[in-house]
């Protein structure tokens, strides 16, 4: 059995979900921006040795990119073959 939502209830739901989250500006030693800067300066130890943050990001994102490309190639071959 479904329950109908009335106009005032719908307006209340819309008002609550449309409210922006409080705009907090985090500063200090534990702020996310400062942690990203600190991570970028230090090296990250991987199986292939220490890497910078950008090199580690490239290493991590290579496999998903290859999987997507493999799927595209398989789809093209399947489309041409059939």
Protein backbone atom coordinates (compact mmCIF):
# COMPACT_ATOMS: atom_id res chain seq x y z
CA UNK A 1 0.00 0.00 0.00
CA UNK A 2 1.53 3.33 -1.02
CA UNK A 3 1.25 6.46 1.05
CA UNK A 4 0.66 9.77 -0.68
CA UNK A 5 2.82 12.78 0.13
CA UNK A 6 0.87 15.99 0.59
CA UNK A 7 1.94 19.39 -0.69
CA UNK A 8 3.28 20.74 2.62
CA UNK A 9 5.24 17.53 3.25
CA UNK A 10 6.73 17.74 -0.24
CA UNK A 11 7.69 21.39 0.35
CA UNK A 12 9.38 20.45 3.64
CA UNK A 13 11.34 17.63 1.96
CA UNK A 14 12.43 19.98 -0.83
CA UNK A 15 13.49 22.64 1.67
CA UNK A 16 15.53 20.24 3.78
CA UNK A 17 17.30 18.60 0.84
CA UNK A 18 18.02 21.92 -0.87
CA UNK A 19 19.70 23.49 2.16
CA UNK A 20 23.42 23.88 1.56
CA UNK A 21 25.79 22.31 4.02
CA UNK A 22 27.46 24.76 6.38
CA UNK A 23 30.34 26.41 4.62
CA UNK A 24 33.20 25.64 6.94
CA UNK A 25 36.67 26.71 6.12
CA UNK A 26 39.14 24.33 7.65
CA UNK A 27 42.51 25.74 8.49
CA UNK A 28 45.32 24.53 10.62
CA UNK A 29 47.61 21.53 10.64
CA UNK A 30 44.86 18.96 10.00
CA UNK A 31 43.06 20.66 7.12
CA UNK A 32 42.54 18.54 3.97
CA UNK A 33 44.38 21.05 1.79
CA UNK A 34 47.42 21.02 4.03
CA UNK A 35 47.41 17.21 4.14
CA UNK A 36 47.37 17.08 0.32
CA UNK A 37 50.31 19.47 0.18
CA UNK A 38 52.22 17.38 2.68
CA UNK A 39 51.44 14.21 0.71
CA UNK A 40 52.66 15.85 -2.49
CA UNK A 41 56.04 16.70 -0.94
CA UNK A 42 56.71 13.27 0.54
CA UNK A 43 57.40 10.16 -1.49
CA UNK A 44 54.93 7.29 -1.47
CA UNK A 45 56.34 3.80 -1.09
CA UNK A 46 54.97 1.43 -3.72
CA UNK A 47 55.91 -2.06 -4.86
CA UNK A 48 58.19 -0.50 -7.48
CA UNK A 49 59.87 1.82 -4.99
CA UNK A 50 59.28 5.37 -3.73
CA UNK A 51 57.25 7.59 -6.05
CA UNK A 52 56.01 11.16 -5.94
CA UNK A 53 52.27 11.74 -5.55
CA UNK A 54 51.73 12.38 -9.27
CA UNK A 55 53.76 9.30 -10.29
CA UNK A 56 51.80 7.12 -7.84
CA UNK A 57 48.51 8.51 -9.20
CA UNK A 58 49.57 7.61 -12.75
CA UNK A 59 50.61 4.13 -11.64
CA UNK A 60 47.28 3.52 -9.89
CA UNK A 61 45.14 4.81 -12.78
CA UNK A 62 46.98 2.90 -15.52
CA UNK A 63 45.22 -0.43 -14.92
CA UNK A 64 41.64 0.96 -15.04
CA UNK A 65 42.51 2.84 -18.24
CA UNK A 66 43.86 -0.35 -19.83
CA UNK A 67 40.74 -2.27 -18.80
CA UNK A 68 38.48 0.37 -20.40
CA UNK A 69 40.55 0.34 -23.59
CA UNK A 70 40.43 -3.46 -23.66
CA UNK A 71 36.61 -3.33 -23.37
CA UNK A 72 36.37 -0.82 -26.23
CA UNK A 73 38.59 -2.98 -28.45
CA UNK A 74 36.52 -6.10 -27.66
CA UNK A 75 33.29 -4.21 -28.42
CA UNK A 76 34.70 -2.98 -31.76
CA UNK A 77 35.87 -6.46 -32.72
CA UNK A 78 32.49 -7.93 -31.76
CA UNK A 79 30.65 -5.27 -33.77
CA UNK A 80 32.79 -5.87 -36.86
CA UNK A 81 32.75 -9.67 -36.59
CA UNK A 82 28.97 -10.02 -36.33
